[in-house]
Amino acid sequence: MVIITNQSVDIFFYKNCTVLLITFSTLQTILFPHRLFLPQFRGAQTLYTKFLRPALLQYSGDLDAGINKLKAKAQAAVKDGVTSLAEAANKTD
């Protein structure tokens, strides 16, 4: 006669859940990139249209303003660099 206590059932249950989670995690790790990259699944298109595009549209004004600020700073830095190079070249002459 075998008596099963709650503790042994719990250990057996958690052990099986761990195996199930590891198996599912491995399977998910293999299949998720395939769903994204293979053209017949259109995973990247779905990801873009459902998640990325709405976020970009929502923050497009902020993104454009930030890009314009960065562009102005880059132009000013290039202008200062060219000016300092020209001044240095004039001093050596």
Foldseek 3Di string as FASTA:
>chain_A
DDDDDPVNVVVVVVVVVVVVVVVVVVVCVVVVVVCCPPVVNVNVVCCCVPPVVVVCVVCVVVVVVVVVVVVVVVVVVVVVVVVVVVVVVVVVD
